[in-house]
Protein backbone atom coordinates (compact mmCIF):
# COMPACT_ATOMS: atom_id res chain seq x y z
CA MET A 1 145.67 119.72 87.92
CA LYS A 2 146.79 122.89 88.37
CA LEU A 3 145.16 126.24 87.27
CA LEU A 4 147.87 129.40 87.02
CA LEU A 5 146.93 132.64 88.31
CA PRO A 6 145.28 135.12 87.78
CA LEU A 7 141.96 133.90 88.21
CA LEU A 8 138.32 135.61 88.68
CA LEU A 9 136.46 132.34 90.04
CA LEU A 10 133.95 134.94 91.58
CA LEU A 11 132.65 134.92 87.96
CA ALA A 12 129.94 136.35 86.14
CA THR A 13 128.63 133.14 86.14
CA LEU A 14 127.36 134.03 89.65
CA GLN A 15 125.78 137.01 89.15
CA PRO A 16 122.11 136.53 87.69
CA ALA A 17 121.85 133.86 91.04
CA VAL A 18 122.93 136.58 93.03
CA ALA A 19 120.85 139.48 91.25
CA GLN A 20 117.84 136.89 91.63
CA LEU A 21 118.59 135.98 95.48
CA LEU A 22 118.74 139.47 96.54
CA GLN A 23 115.31 140.22 95.24
CA ALA A 24 113.79 137.16 96.92
CA GLN A 25 111.27 137.69 99.37
CA PRO A 26 111.81 136.14 102.55
CA GLU A 27 109.80 133.14 102.90
CA ALA A 28 106.30 133.12 105.41
CA PHE A 29 105.60 129.66 107.21
CA THR A 30 102.29 128.57 107.91
CA ARG A 31 101.00 127.03 111.22
CA ALA A 32 100.23 123.65 108.44
CA ASP A 33 104.30 123.75 108.05
CA SER A 34 105.06 123.64 111.89
CA LEU A 35 102.73 121.05 112.48
CA ARG A 36 104.08 118.92 109.34
CA GLY A 37 107.97 119.71 110.58
CA GLY A 38 107.91 120.59 114.01
CA GLN A 39 109.20 118.76 116.99
CA THR A 40 106.14 119.16 118.87
CA PRO A 41 105.09 117.88 122.45
CA LEU A 42 102.17 115.92 120.81
CA ARG A 43 105.08 114.24 119.14
CA THR A 44 107.70 113.70 121.19
CA CYS A 45 105.60 112.46 124.14
CA TYR A 46 105.67 108.99 121.94
CA ASP A 47 108.44 106.80 120.57
CA LEU A 48 107.35 104.55 118.09
CA ASN A 49 108.64 100.82 118.26
CA TYR A 50 106.70 99.38 115.51
CA TYR A 51 104.10 99.86 112.63
CA HIS A 52 101.62 97.44 110.84
CA LEU A 53 100.66 98.64 107.68
CA ASP A 54 97.64 96.37 106.45
CA VAL A 55 96.54 97.89 103.30
CA GLN A 56 94.52 96.98 99.95
CA LEU A 57 94.87 98.88 96.96
CA ASP A 58 92.34 99.26 94.26
CA PRO A 59 94.65 100.03 91.06
CA ALA A 60 91.41 100.34 88.93
CA GLN A 61 89.93 102.60 91.27
CA ARG A 62 93.30 104.29 92.37
CA PHE A 63 91.79 103.82 95.75
CA ILE A 64 93.26 102.25 99.11
CA SER A 65 91.95 101.49 102.55
CA GLY A 66 93.27 99.66 105.37
CA SER A 67 94.96 99.96 108.99
CA ASN A 68 98.15 100.95 110.74
CA LEU A 69 98.88 99.87 113.98
CA PHE A 70 101.17 101.97 116.24
CA ARG A 71 103.53 100.56 119.10
CA PHE A 72 105.23 102.92 121.07
CA THR A 73 106.24 103.63 124.32
CA ALA A 74 105.72 107.06 126.31
CA THR A 75 108.31 109.01 127.03
CA ARG A 76 106.13 111.62 129.59
CA ASP A 77 102.26 111.29 130.86
CA PHE A 78 99.64 111.89 128.41
CA THR A 79 96.15 111.90 127.17
CA ARG A 80 96.92 113.33 123.74
CA LEU A 81 99.15 112.72 120.75
CA GLN A 82 99.18 113.89 117.07
CA PHE A 83 99.85 111.73 113.84
CA ASP A 84 99.40 112.64 110.67
CA LEU A 85 97.64 111.84 107.94
CA PHE A 86 96.72 113.81 104.45
CA ALA A 87 93.68 115.65 104.56
CA ASN A 88 92.13 114.48 101.64
CA LEU A 89 92.66 110.58 103.21
CA LYS A 90 89.74 109.81 105.45
CA VAL A 91 90.37 108.60 109.05
CA GLU A 92 87.35 105.93 109.64
CA LYS A 93 88.32 105.29 113.23
CA VAL A 94 90.93 104.82 115.81
CA LEU A 95 90.86 102.29 117.56
CA TYR A 96 92.68 101.43 121.28
CA ARG A 97 91.77 98.30 123.49
CA GLY A 98 88.70 97.88 121.46
CA ARG A 99 86.72 101.63 121.85
CA GLU A 100 86.62 103.89 119.26
CA LEU A 101 88.94 107.11 120.21
CA PRO A 102 87.85 110.80 119.62
CA PHE A 103 90.30 113.02 117.32
CA THR A 104 90.29 116.06 115.17
CA ARG A 105 91.85 117.24 112.34
CA GLU A 106 93.80 120.44 111.29
CA ALA A 107 95.56 120.27 107.76
CA ASN A 108 97.53 117.19 107.46
CA ALA A 109 97.79 116.49 111.17
CA VAL A 110 95.25 114.58 113.60
CA PHE A 111 95.23 114.94 117.55
CA VAL A 112 93.78 111.29 119.14
CA THR A 113 92.52 111.70 123.09
CA PHE A 114 93.05 108.91 125.30
CA PRO A 115 90.24 108.28 127.91
CA GLN A 116 92.95 107.81 130.55
CA ALA A 117 96.90 108.87 130.93
CA ILE A 118 99.13 106.88 129.30
CA ALA A 119 101.77 107.01 131.93
CA LYS A 120 105.71 107.56 131.15
CA GLY A 121 107.54 104.70 130.29
CA SER A 122 104.55 102.35 129.45
CA ARG A 123 104.10 100.63 126.16
CA ASP A 124 100.96 100.63 124.67
CA GLU A 125 99.61 100.45 120.76
CA PHE A 126 96.52 102.09 118.71
CA THR A 127 95.40 101.61 115.37
CA VAL A 128 94.43 103.83 112.71
CA TYR A 129 91.48 102.95 109.77
CA TYR A 130 91.27 104.80 106.87
CA SER A 131 90.67 105.02 103.04
CA GLY A 132 90.56 107.30 100.08
CA ASN A 133 92.17 107.93 96.75
CA PRO A 134 96.11 109.09 97.66
CA THR A 135 97.51 112.13 95.70
CA VAL A 136 98.95 110.98 92.34
CA ALA A 137 102.38 112.34 91.97
CA LYS A 138 102.68 114.81 88.77
CA LYS A 139 106.38 113.93 88.44
CA ALA A 140 107.91 111.35 90.44
CA PRO A 141 109.89 111.26 92.49
CA TRP A 142 110.09 115.05 92.90
CA ASP A 143 106.75 115.17 94.13
CA GLY A 144 105.25 113.56 96.67
CA GLY A 145 102.13 110.77 95.95
CA MET A 146 101.65 107.26 93.70
CA VAL A 147 102.43 106.57 90.43
CA PHE A 148 99.87 104.85 88.31
CA ALA A 149 101.05 103.43 85.15
CA GLN A 150 101.32 100.33 83.08
CA ASP A 151 103.68 98.26 81.59
CA ALA A 152 103.90 96.80 78.11
CA ALA A 153 101.16 94.58 78.06
CA GLY A 154 98.54 96.82 79.62
CA ARG A 155 98.54 95.73 82.95
CA PRO A 156 99.10 98.14 86.30
CA TRP A 157 102.60 99.09 86.78
CA ILE A 158 102.42 101.11 90.61
CA ALA A 159 104.67 102.59 93.16
CA THR A 160 104.78 105.13 95.86
CA ALA A 161 107.30 108.26 96.44
CA CYS A 162 107.10 110.17 99.12
CA GLN A 163 109.97 112.24 100.07
CA GLY A 164 110.19 115.59 101.23
CA THR A 165 106.15 115.93 101.03
CA GLY A 166 105.42 112.87 103.81
CA ALA A 167 104.73 109.60 103.72
CA SER A 168 101.11 110.63 104.81
CA ILE A 169 100.15 111.42 101.74
CA TRP A 170 99.52 107.56 101.75
CA TRP A 171 99.70 106.36 105.06
CA PRO A 172 99.44 107.35 108.63
CA THR A 173 102.11 107.87 110.58
CA LYS A 174 104.09 109.73 113.03
CA ASP A 175 105.49 112.04 109.68
CA GLN A 176 109.31 113.34 110.46
CA GLN A 177 112.24 111.24 110.72
CA ALA A 178 113.79 112.21 114.26
CA ASP A 179 111.71 108.66 115.36
CA GLU A 180 111.69 105.48 113.36
CA VAL A 181 110.10 102.65 114.00
CA ASP A 182 112.58 99.64 115.48
CA SER A 183 110.88 97.17 112.58
CA MET A 184 107.63 97.01 110.63
CA LEU A 185 105.60 94.39 108.93
CA ILE A 186 104.20 95.47 105.84
CA SER A 187 100.61 93.88 104.11
CA ILE A 188 100.30 94.92 101.08
CA SER A 189 97.02 93.22 98.65
CA VAL A 190 96.34 93.53 95.60
CA PRO A 191 94.12 92.12 92.80
CA THR A 192 95.45 88.31 92.10
CA GLY A 193 97.47 87.72 89.22
CA LEU A 194 99.85 91.16 90.68
CA ARG A 195 102.30 91.24 93.17
CA ASP A 196 103.52 93.85 95.57
CA VAL A 197 107.31 93.82 96.69
CA SER A 198 107.90 96.39 99.57
CA ASN A 199 110.87 96.60 102.17
CA GLY A 200 112.41 93.89 104.10
CA ARG A 201 111.61 90.24 103.28
CA LEU A 202 109.18 88.34 102.17
CA ARG A 203 107.41 86.51 105.03
CA ARG A 204 103.70 85.30 103.30
CA THR A 205 101.33 85.36 100.14
CA THR A 206 98.43 84.94 101.49
CA LYS A 207 95.11 84.22 98.28
CA LEU A 208 92.28 86.37 99.70
CA LYS A 209 88.58 85.03 99.17
CA ASN A 210 87.75 88.64 97.72
CA GLY A 211 89.98 87.85 94.45
CA TYR A 212 93.16 89.58 95.93
CA THR A 213 96.39 88.37 97.33
CA ARG A 214 98.48 89.79 100.40
CA PHE A 215 101.87 90.31 100.32
CA ASP A 216 103.64 90.68 104.08
CA TRP A 217 106.88 92.16 104.20
CA ALA A 218 109.06 92.05 107.20
CA VAL A 219 111.73 94.79 108.03
CA THR A 220 113.81 93.99 110.90
CA ASN A 221 115.99 97.06 111.08
CA PRO A 222 114.82 100.72 111.80
CA ILE A 223 113.27 102.39 109.30
CA ASN A 224 112.03 105.93 108.24
CA ASN A 225 108.75 106.49 107.09
CA TYR A 226 109.28 107.78 103.42
CA ASP A 227 111.39 104.83 102.17
CA VAL A 228 108.19 102.75 103.23
CA ALA A 229 107.45 101.23 99.66
CA LEU A 230 104.55 99.79 97.76
CA ASN A 231 105.67 98.17 94.50
CA VAL A 232 103.02 96.50 92.48
CA GLY A 233 102.84 94.67 89.23
CA SER A 234 103.41 91.90 86.91
CA PHE A 235 107.60 91.46 88.34
CA LYS A 236 109.79 88.83 87.19
CA HIS A 237 112.22 88.02 90.11
CA PHE A 238 115.84 86.77 89.81
CA SER A 239 118.50 87.15 92.53
CA ASP A 240 122.04 86.44 93.21
CA VAL A 241 124.22 86.76 96.48
CA TYR A 242 127.10 89.16 97.27
CA GLN A 243 129.81 87.81 99.40
CA GLY A 244 130.18 91.24 101.82
CA GLU A 245 132.03 92.21 104.69
CA LYS A 246 129.15 90.71 107.12
CA GLY A 247 128.97 87.66 104.94
CA PRO A 248 126.88 86.42 102.28
CA LEU A 249 123.95 89.58 101.31
CA THR A 250 120.90 88.40 99.14
CA LEU A 251 120.31 90.04 96.15
CA ASP A 252 116.70 90.24 94.83
CA TYR A 253 115.83 91.99 91.78
CA TRP A 254 112.10 92.52 90.87
CA VAL A 255 111.50 93.62 87.13
CA LEU A 256 108.42 93.78 84.67
CA PRO A 257 108.86 90.93 81.73
CA GLU A 258 110.00 93.10 79.13
CA ASN A 259 112.95 94.33 81.00
CA LEU A 260 114.65 91.28 82.07
CA ALA A 261 117.19 90.22 79.79
CA LYS A 262 118.37 93.96 80.09
CA ALA A 263 118.20 93.64 83.75
CA LYS A 264 120.44 90.86 84.21
CA THR A 265 123.44 92.75 82.54
CA GLN A 266 122.55 96.06 83.69
CA PHE A 267 122.81 95.11 87.66
CA GLU A 268 125.43 92.61 87.11
CA ALA A 269 127.85 95.12 85.51
CA ASN A 270 127.16 97.17 88.67
CA VAL A 271 125.72 96.02 91.59
CA LYS A 272 128.70 94.40 92.98
CA PRO A 273 130.95 96.66 92.25
CA MET A 274 129.00 99.41 93.91
CA LEU A 275 128.81 97.00 97.12
CA LYS A 276 132.35 96.92 97.23
CA SER A 277 132.78 100.67 96.75
CA MET A 278 130.66 101.51 99.41
CA GLU A 279 131.35 99.15 101.67
CA HIS A 280 135.47 99.76 101.46
CA TRP A 281 134.78 103.40 101.96
CA PHE A 282 131.48 103.73 104.40
CA GLY A 283 131.97 100.70 106.01
CA PRO A 284 129.37 97.04 105.77
CA TYR A 285 125.99 97.94 104.00
CA PRO A 286 123.82 98.54 106.78
CA PHE A 287 121.07 96.16 106.39
CA TYR A 288 121.91 92.43 105.54
CA ARG A 289 119.05 91.02 107.55
CA ASP A 290 116.44 92.72 105.27
CA GLY A 291 118.78 92.18 101.95
CA TYR A 292 119.08 94.39 98.93
CA LYS A 293 116.85 94.40 96.27
CA LEU A 294 116.02 96.69 93.53
CA ILE A 295 112.57 97.15 91.95
CA ASP A 296 111.48 98.50 88.40
CA ALA A 297 109.70 101.12 89.12
CA PRO A 298 107.72 104.16 86.83
CA HIS A 299 109.44 107.15 87.68
CA LEU A 300 113.36 107.80 87.84
CA GLY A 301 114.52 106.05 90.95
CA MET A 302 114.24 107.12 95.14
CA GLU A 303 116.60 105.28 98.12
CA HIS A 304 113.49 103.27 99.73
CA GLN A 305 115.37 100.82 102.15
CA SER A 306 116.73 97.36 101.24
CA ALA A 307 114.03 98.01 98.02
CA VAL A 308 115.67 100.48 95.82
CA ALA A 309 113.33 102.02 93.16
CA TYR A 310 115.24 101.69 89.95
CA GLY A 311 113.54 104.08 86.49
CA ASN A 312 116.98 104.76 84.58
CA LYS A 313 116.16 102.91 81.60
CA TYR A 314 119.04 100.55 81.93
CA GLN A 315 121.69 102.60 80.57
CA ASN A 316 124.88 104.08 81.81
CA GLY A 317 124.64 107.61 83.25
CA TYR A 318 122.00 109.94 84.47
CA LEU A 319 119.14 109.05 81.51
CA GLY A 320 122.04 108.40 79.67
CA LYS A 321 123.84 111.81 80.22
CA ASP A 322 127.09 112.10 82.36
CA ARG A 323 126.38 115.03 84.92
CA SER A 324 129.82 115.77 85.45
CA ASN A 325 130.37 116.11 81.73
CA THR A 326 133.75 114.50 81.93
CA GLY A 327 133.17 110.98 80.21
CA TRP A 328 133.86 109.20 83.87
CA GLY A 329 129.91 109.24 84.52
CA LEU A 330 128.92 107.55 81.08
CA LYS A 331 130.85 104.30 82.89
CA TRP A 332 128.28 103.08 85.34
CA ASP A 333 124.51 103.53 85.93
CA PHE A 334 123.85 106.66 88.25
CA ILE A 335 120.27 105.56 89.62
CA ILE A 336 122.15 102.68 90.80
CA ILE A 337 125.20 103.79 92.50
CA HIS A 338 123.73 106.93 93.80
CA GLU A 339 120.24 105.38 95.30
CA SER A 340 122.12 102.58 96.48
CA GLY A 341 124.64 104.89 98.33
CA HIS A 342 121.69 106.28 100.36
CA GLU A 343 121.39 102.92 102.03
CA TRP A 344 124.46 104.46 104.03
CA PHE A 345 123.62 108.16 104.04
CA GLY A 346 119.85 108.86 104.62
CA ASN A 347 118.78 105.18 105.74
CA ASN A 348 121.54 104.12 107.87
CA ILE A 349 121.91 107.06 108.91
CA THR A 350 118.84 109.82 109.08
CA SER A 351 118.28 113.65 109.60
CA GLN A 352 116.36 114.40 112.44
CA ASP A 353 114.84 117.30 110.04
CA ILE A 354 115.05 117.91 106.80
CA ALA A 355 116.63 121.47 106.93
CA ASP A 356 119.70 118.92 107.25
CA MET A 357 119.00 116.73 104.32
CA TRP A 358 122.61 117.71 103.68
CA VAL A 359 123.97 114.64 105.76
CA HIS A 360 121.52 112.18 102.85
CA GLU A 361 122.32 114.33 99.62
CA SER A 362 126.40 115.34 100.13
CA PHE A 363 127.40 112.68 101.18
CA THR A 364 126.09 110.26 98.73
CA THR A 365 126.73 112.47 95.45
CA TYR A 366 130.25 112.28 96.87
CA SER A 367 129.87 108.46 96.86
CA GLU A 368 129.72 108.53 93.40
CA ALA A 369 132.79 110.51 93.03
CA LEU A 370 134.30 107.92 95.82
CA PHE A 371 133.03 104.79 93.30
CA VAL A 372 134.73 106.32 89.99
CA GLU A 373 137.96 106.13 92.55
CA SER A 374 137.55 102.67 93.54
CA GLN A 375 136.84 101.38 89.77
CA PHE A 376 139.27 104.31 87.42
CA GLY A 377 141.91 105.80 90.61
CA LYS A 378 141.58 108.75 92.54
CA GLN A 379 142.22 111.18 89.40
CA ALA A 380 139.52 109.71 87.69
CA GLY A 381 137.54 110.69 90.98
CA GLN A 382 138.79 114.01 91.56
CA GLU A 383 138.19 114.38 87.92
CA TYR A 384 134.20 113.04 88.59
CA ILE A 385 134.16 115.28 91.03
CA HIS A 386 136.03 118.67 89.46
CA GLY A 387 133.02 118.13 86.86
CA GLN A 388 129.96 118.11 89.50
CA ARG A 389 130.56 122.02 89.78
CA ARG A 390 128.78 122.66 87.06
CA ASN A 391 125.54 121.93 88.52
CA ILE A 392 126.37 124.22 91.43
CA SER A 393 123.73 127.18 91.77
CA ASN A 394 125.06 129.50 94.87
CA ASP A 395 121.25 130.25 95.35
CA GLY A 396 121.53 129.97 99.33
CA PRO A 397 122.41 128.33 102.20
CA ILE A 398 122.51 124.63 102.05
CA ILE A 399 120.67 124.09 105.63
CA GLY A 400 117.35 125.19 105.76
CA PRO A 401 114.93 126.28 108.05
CA PHE A 402 114.35 123.96 111.19
CA GLY A 403 110.57 122.76 112.56
CA VAL A 404 108.84 123.39 109.14
CA ASN A 405 109.45 120.80 106.68
CA LYS A 406 111.39 122.77 104.65
CA GLU A 407 114.61 121.60 102.47
CA GLY A 408 117.53 123.83 102.61
CA SER A 409 119.43 124.89 98.24
CA GLY A 410 119.63 122.22 96.08
CA ASP A 411 123.06 122.58 96.41
CA MET A 412 123.38 119.81 99.19
CA TYR A 413 124.24 117.68 96.35
CA ASP A 414 127.30 118.80 94.29
CA LYS A 415 128.24 121.88 96.28
CA GLY A 416 127.42 119.34 99.57
CA SER A 417 130.37 116.55 97.90
CA MET A 418 132.32 119.73 96.86
CA MET A 419 132.87 120.32 100.51
CA LEU A 420 133.65 117.12 101.91
CA ASN A 421 136.59 116.93 99.17
CA THR A 422 137.67 119.87 100.05
CA ILE A 423 137.72 119.09 103.52
CA ARG A 424 139.33 115.60 102.34
CA THR A 425 141.91 117.73 100.78
CA VAL A 426 142.83 119.79 103.80
CA LEU A 427 143.06 117.06 105.63
CA ASN A 428 145.77 115.34 103.10
CA ASP A 429 145.78 111.79 104.74
CA ASP A 430 143.63 109.34 102.76
CA ALA A 431 143.84 106.57 105.10
CA LYS A 432 142.79 108.67 107.66
CA TRP A 433 139.57 110.14 105.67
CA ARG A 434 138.64 106.56 105.09
CA GLN A 435 138.62 106.03 108.82
CA LEU A 436 136.61 109.26 109.60
CA LEU A 437 133.50 108.01 106.73
CA ARG A 438 133.84 104.03 107.61
CA GLY A 439 133.50 105.32 111.56
CA LEU A 440 130.69 107.87 110.99
CA SER A 441 128.61 104.73 109.88
CA ALA A 442 129.41 103.02 112.74
CA LYS A 443 129.37 105.71 115.33
CA PHE A 444 125.91 106.40 114.02
CA TYR A 445 124.67 103.05 113.35
CA HIS A 446 120.58 103.02 112.79
CA GLN A 447 120.33 106.49 114.26
CA THR A 448 118.70 109.71 113.87
CA VAL A 449 121.21 112.71 113.65
CA THR A 450 121.29 116.49 113.62
CA GLY A 451 123.48 118.26 111.25
CA GLN A 452 125.62 119.56 113.95
CA GLN A 453 126.53 115.88 115.51
CA ILE A 454 127.90 115.04 111.99
CA ILE A 455 130.30 118.27 112.29
CA ASP A 456 131.38 117.43 115.95
CA TYR A 457 131.88 113.44 115.18
CA PHE A 458 134.44 115.02 111.72
CA ASN A 459 136.01 117.65 114.30
CA ARG A 460 136.58 114.95 117.16
CA GLU A 461 137.86 112.19 115.27
CA SER A 462 140.18 113.73 112.78
CA GLY A 463 141.70 115.82 115.84
CA ARG A 464 141.23 118.61 113.75
CA ASP A 465 138.36 121.41 114.17
CA PHE A 466 136.70 122.14 110.84
CA THR A 467 133.61 124.00 111.83
CA LYS A 468 134.49 126.89 109.68
CA ILE A 469 134.38 125.44 106.53
CA PHE A 470 131.53 123.38 107.19
CA ASP A 471 129.80 126.71 108.37
CA GLN A 472 131.12 128.33 105.30
CA TYR A 473 129.35 126.31 103.07
CA LEU A 474 126.19 125.12 104.62
CA ARG A 475 125.22 127.71 106.16
CA HIS A 476 126.37 130.99 102.94
CA ARG A 477 125.56 130.32 99.48
CA SER A 478 129.11 132.45 98.39
CA LEU A 479 131.93 130.52 98.37
CA PRO A 480 134.90 131.43 100.45
CA VAL A 481 137.68 133.77 98.23
CA LEU A 482 141.33 133.93 98.36
CA GLU A 483 142.50 137.34 97.95
CA ILE A 484 146.16 137.83 96.69
CA ARG A 485 148.29 140.89 96.57
CA PHE A 486 152.26 141.27 95.50
CA GLU A 487 153.47 144.10 97.46
CA ASP A 488 157.08 145.11 97.22
CA GLY A 489 158.12 141.58 96.56
CA LYS A 490 156.27 139.82 99.49
CA THR A 491 152.82 138.07 98.68
CA LEU A 492 150.07 138.92 100.45
CA ALA A 493 146.85 137.05 101.25
CA ARG A 494 143.18 136.87 102.95
CA TRP A 495 140.17 135.21 102.77
CA VAL A 496 137.10 136.53 102.22
CA ALA A 497 134.19 134.79 103.54
CA ASP A 498 130.91 134.76 105.59
CA VAL A 499 132.42 133.40 108.45
CA ASP A 500 134.38 135.10 111.28
CA LYS A 501 137.95 134.49 111.18
CA PHE A 502 137.67 132.03 108.49
CA ASP A 503 141.59 130.18 108.02
CA MET A 504 141.20 127.48 105.92
CA PRO A 505 144.73 126.12 104.88
CA VAL A 506 144.78 126.21 101.35
CA ARG A 507 147.45 124.68 98.63
CA VAL A 508 149.47 126.47 96.92
CA CYS A 509 152.69 126.46 94.85
CA LEU A 510 155.27 127.89 92.28
CA LYS A 511 155.52 126.97 89.07
CA GLY A 512 156.57 123.52 88.36
CA GLY A 513 157.27 123.26 91.94
CA GLU A 514 155.27 120.76 94.54
CA TYR A 515 152.48 121.70 96.56
CA GLN A 516 152.59 123.09 100.26
CA PHE A 517 149.96 124.33 102.69
CA ILE A 518 149.74 127.61 103.74
CA THR A 519 146.75 128.79 105.89
CA PRO A 520 145.60 132.69 105.30
CA THR A 521 143.41 134.01 107.98
CA THR A 522 140.66 137.32 106.84
CA LYS A 523 143.61 139.70 107.53
CA PHE A 524 146.43 140.21 104.94
CA ALA A 525 149.16 138.51 105.53
CA GLU A 526 153.04 138.14 104.32
CA MET A 527 153.07 134.57 102.98
CA LYS A 528 156.68 133.55 103.53
CA GLU A 529 156.25 130.31 101.67
CA LEU A 530 155.58 132.19 98.63
CA ALA A 531 158.89 134.77 98.72
CA GLY A 532 159.82 135.29 95.18
CA ALA A 533 156.18 134.32 93.64
CA THR A 534 154.82 136.18 90.73
CA ARG A 535 151.53 136.50 88.74
CA GLU A 536 152.95 134.48 86.39
CA THR A 537 154.04 131.82 88.71
CA LEU A 538 151.60 131.21 91.88
CA GLU A 539 149.41 128.49 91.54
CA VAL A 540 146.59 127.29 93.91
CA ASP A 541 145.09 124.32 93.74
CA THR A 542 141.77 125.15 92.59
CA PHE A 543 140.81 121.48 91.16
CA ASN A 544 140.68 120.00 94.37
CA TYR A 545 139.56 123.12 96.33
CA TYR A 546 135.92 124.64 95.90
CA ILE A 547 136.63 128.50 96.39
CA GLY A 548 137.37 131.92 94.71
CA VAL A 549 140.66 133.42 93.84
CA LEU A 550 141.22 137.53 93.32
CA VAL A 551 144.91 138.50 92.24
CA GLU A 552 145.00 142.29 93.02
């Protein structure tokens, strides 16, 4: 699609956001923020290997109690370390080799002192026992905590959602994304008659003497702690198998009885097409050993690894609405496609600091358009992604401040998706673009990363330097603006951008002709390819690019 000039895409719609930004005061961060988000020596001194979370949930009292075993490797000699647990939950004791360890608390951090130095390279473990009433989420999944609800028959229906706020809102953990355990056992005990569904595969169900039943779920892949999930209810189960790139992938669905018929229809229509598309673009599903699950949730949804929470009410779109306003978004279930896309970006590849959460959200939001493309063709995908820009605020940088558990602008979703599509357009090689995306999943398979590592990967593997494009869209709120002048029969162009020497190639053409690339810099220069152009005949590709255009 081509849009004629003159265009003023520095629209008045941006002015309120700009005015609000100019009036905003710099955010102040506290020591508690640094304890929560920082890579301190008391956190980096030990590398997590394994957790065993073993808790009992009392739905009536909204009370949780139990323990978590930390198994680790020392990265240096140390006698003191930090783990995390929200202050409203009580640390009963910390056991190490049969002895209770002294500990102190500050904000939501817990500091443990060992009786002797833990030597670098040694493997060791300790267990934290705790109890209390965890925070109840007010509007999950946007705020963290536990969700206590009831199904149609009045039975308990409970879930966790804690991304951003932190997993330590309901269990003791090293609450940062940089360090993931290699594997985990999740043991959840609930009143007999209910069941728990968590991440990984069910290894054992044990009826206890106290009227509770324990469900042991084994996770055999690395997992970030906000993905660890508890889902309690009177679930019905059905299953299927997807023949994927790595062979058969088990599909398990756990839904409330009243939703069983709707779930069979909705999941069959969406899950296998989603997996086929995601594997095509990003490579094999990253957790074949742990399987793929969808679980009825009393909130909208969450990307819990191998146990995706689903709450989109068995309808297409986003709660029945099309976020792109193009019509394409009503042809599939937004929550199934988006939250499952996080299995590749967020779960397989995890940002070390939530300041770099664009690595999760930009790629996953972009995966929606790639899904549309795989189902309905490239033009449909481009139309969908063009429609995503209606959700962009341009209210601040997408990359947030590091070390204080603070995300950047919510534009990491749709503007980040626009950025990736802009880079794809500049690359102008769809086969290579797919190769880059698949290679990304393979290169950083089951790893935590920095955003800079992702940028460096694209530069290295594409043979192109996209640094300035990434910087403009990620580190600045403003769009790059292509400014054009017509003087003495010549067409002059330059970029107005925050990034020094910004020089992104852009597609232009004369009306009715073929697109070609020009590469303006931040200084006006003649574009000889546009000789003879006028305001009426010059066209700029503002459909595939997310840019501003100003004609003088």
